[in-house]
């Protein structure tokens, strides 16, 4: 098993984001959903439905 420290992991992630041209701390990569369960798909669909009919926006941005 390979072991690394959190500092090493953070450095690797920062380097990888720079290679990909990503910046900022608020970046969350889109999830393709290839391994998403049926229950999670149903939940996300229900949240999207609520968001469509609601006058108040949800507190997150869906990326599906």
C-alpha atoms as a PDB file:
ATOM      1  CA  UNK A   1       0.000   0.000   0.000  1.00  0.00           C
ATOM      2  CA  UNK A   2       1.270   3.470  -0.870  1.00  0.00           C
ATOM      3  CA  UNK A   3       1.095   6.077   1.854  1.00  0.00           C
ATOM      4  CA  UNK A   4       1.362   9.831   1.447  1.00  0.00           C
ATOM      5  CA  UNK A   5       0.770  12.769   3.738  1.00  0.00           C
ATOM      6  CA  UNK A   6      -2.064  15.240   3.317  1.00  0.00           C
ATOM      7  CA  UNK A   7       0.509  17.871   2.322  1.00  0.00           C
ATOM      8  CA  UNK A   8       1.774  15.599  -0.450  1.00  0.00           C
ATOM      9  CA  UNK A   9      -1.779  14.930  -1.619  1.00  0.00           C
ATOM     10  CA  UNK A  10      -2.582  18.649  -1.631  1.00  0.00           C
ATOM     11  CA  UNK A  11       0.556  19.400  -3.638  1.00  0.00           C
ATOM     12  CA  UNK A  12      -0.306  16.681  -6.149  1.00  0.00           C
ATOM     13  CA  UNK A  13      -3.879  17.979  -6.520  1.00  0.00           C
ATOM     14  CA  UNK A  14      -2.684  21.565  -6.990  1.00  0.00           C
ATOM     15  CA  UNK A  15      -0.238  20.432  -9.685  1.00  0.00           C
ATOM     16  CA  UNK A  16      -2.916  18.378 -11.434  1.00  0.00           C
ATOM     17  CA  UNK A  17      -5.410  21.262 -11.410  1.00  0.00           C
ATOM     18  CA  UNK A  18      -2.744  23.540 -12.878  1.00  0.00           C
ATOM     19  CA  UNK A  19      -2.019  20.993 -15.629  1.00  0.00           C
ATOM     20  CA  UNK A  20      -5.727  20.881 -16.468  1.00  0.00           C
ATOM     21  CA  UNK A  21      -6.037  24.677 -16.452  1.00  0.00           C
ATOM     22  CA  UNK A  22      -8.394  24.735 -13.485  1.00  0.00           C
ATOM     23  CA  UNK A  23      -8.192  27.429 -10.857  1.00  0.00           C
ATOM     24  CA  UNK A  24      -9.823  28.559  -7.662  1.00  0.00           C
ATOM     25  CA  UNK A  25     -10.997  26.708  -4.595  1.00  0.00           C
ATOM     26  CA  UNK A  26     -14.650  26.584  -5.683  1.00  0.00           C
ATOM     27  CA  UNK A  27     -14.046  24.318  -8.664  1.00  0.00           C
ATOM     28  CA  UNK A  28     -15.875  20.989  -8.506  1.00  0.00           C
ATOM     29  CA  UNK A  29     -15.436  18.711 -11.505  1.00  0.00           C
ATOM     30  CA  UNK A  30     -18.557  17.489 -13.228  1.00  0.00           C
ATOM     31  CA  UNK A  31     -19.598  13.967 -12.309  1.00  0.00           C
ATOM     32  CA  UNK A  32     -20.423  11.845 -15.321  1.00  0.00           C
ATOM     33  CA  UNK A  33     -22.566   9.584 -13.150  1.00  0.00           C
ATOM     34  CA  UNK A  34     -21.331   6.336 -14.667  1.00  0.00           C
ATOM     35  CA  UNK A  35     -21.426   4.640 -11.241  1.00  0.00           C
ATOM     36  CA  UNK A  36     -24.444   6.489  -9.855  1.00  0.00           C
ATOM     37  CA  UNK A  37     -27.081   4.306  -8.206  1.00  0.00           C
ATOM     38  CA  UNK A  38     -30.733   4.321  -9.208  1.00  0.00           C
ATOM     39  CA  UNK A  39     -31.634   5.847  -5.826  1.00  0.00           C
ATOM     40  CA  UNK A  40     -29.163   8.700  -6.343  1.00  0.00           C
ATOM     41  CA  UNK A  41     -30.492   9.316  -9.858  1.00  0.00           C
ATOM     42  CA  UNK A  42     -34.045   9.488  -8.472  1.00  0.00           C
ATOM     43  CA  UNK A  43     -32.949  11.889  -5.736  1.00  0.00           C
ATOM     44  CA  UNK A  44     -31.199  14.198  -8.207  1.00  0.00           C
ATOM     45  CA  UNK A  45     -34.210  14.125 -10.525  1.00  0.00           C
ATOM     46  CA  UNK A  46     -36.531  15.026  -7.630  1.00  0.00           C
ATOM     47  CA  UNK A  47     -34.241  17.922  -6.641  1.00  0.00           C
ATOM     48  CA  UNK A  48     -34.212  19.153 -10.235  1.00  0.00           C
ATOM     49  CA  UNK A  49     -38.032  18.982 -10.306  1.00  0.00           C
ATOM     50  CA  UNK A  50     -38.285  20.933  -7.053  1.00  0.00           C
ATOM     51  CA  UNK A  51     -35.865  23.500  -8.412  1.00  0.00           C
ATOM     52  CA  UNK A  52     -37.938  23.920 -11.597  1.00  0.00           C
ATOM     53  CA  UNK A  53     -41.183  24.670  -9.719  1.00  0.00           C
ATOM     54  CA  UNK A  54     -39.653  26.580  -6.799  1.00  0.00           C
ATOM     55  CA  UNK A  55     -39.434  30.363  -6.626  1.00  0.00           C
ATOM     56  CA  UNK A  56     -36.305  29.984  -4.511  1.00  0.00           C
ATOM     57  CA  UNK A  57     -33.161  28.519  -6.030  1.00  0.00           C
ATOM     58  CA  UNK A  58     -31.504  25.519  -4.468  1.00  0.00           C
ATOM     59  CA  UNK A  59     -28.228  26.116  -2.648  1.00  0.00           C
ATOM     60  CA  UNK A  60     -26.190  24.071  -5.113  1.00  0.00           C
ATOM     61  CA  UNK A  61     -25.676  23.897  -8.846  1.00  0.00           C
ATOM     62  CA  UNK A  62     -26.429  20.492 -10.303  1.00  0.00           C
ATOM     63  CA  UNK A  63     -23.916  19.152 -12.800  1.00  0.00           C
ATOM     64  CA  UNK A  64     -25.646  16.139 -14.252  1.00  0.00           C
END
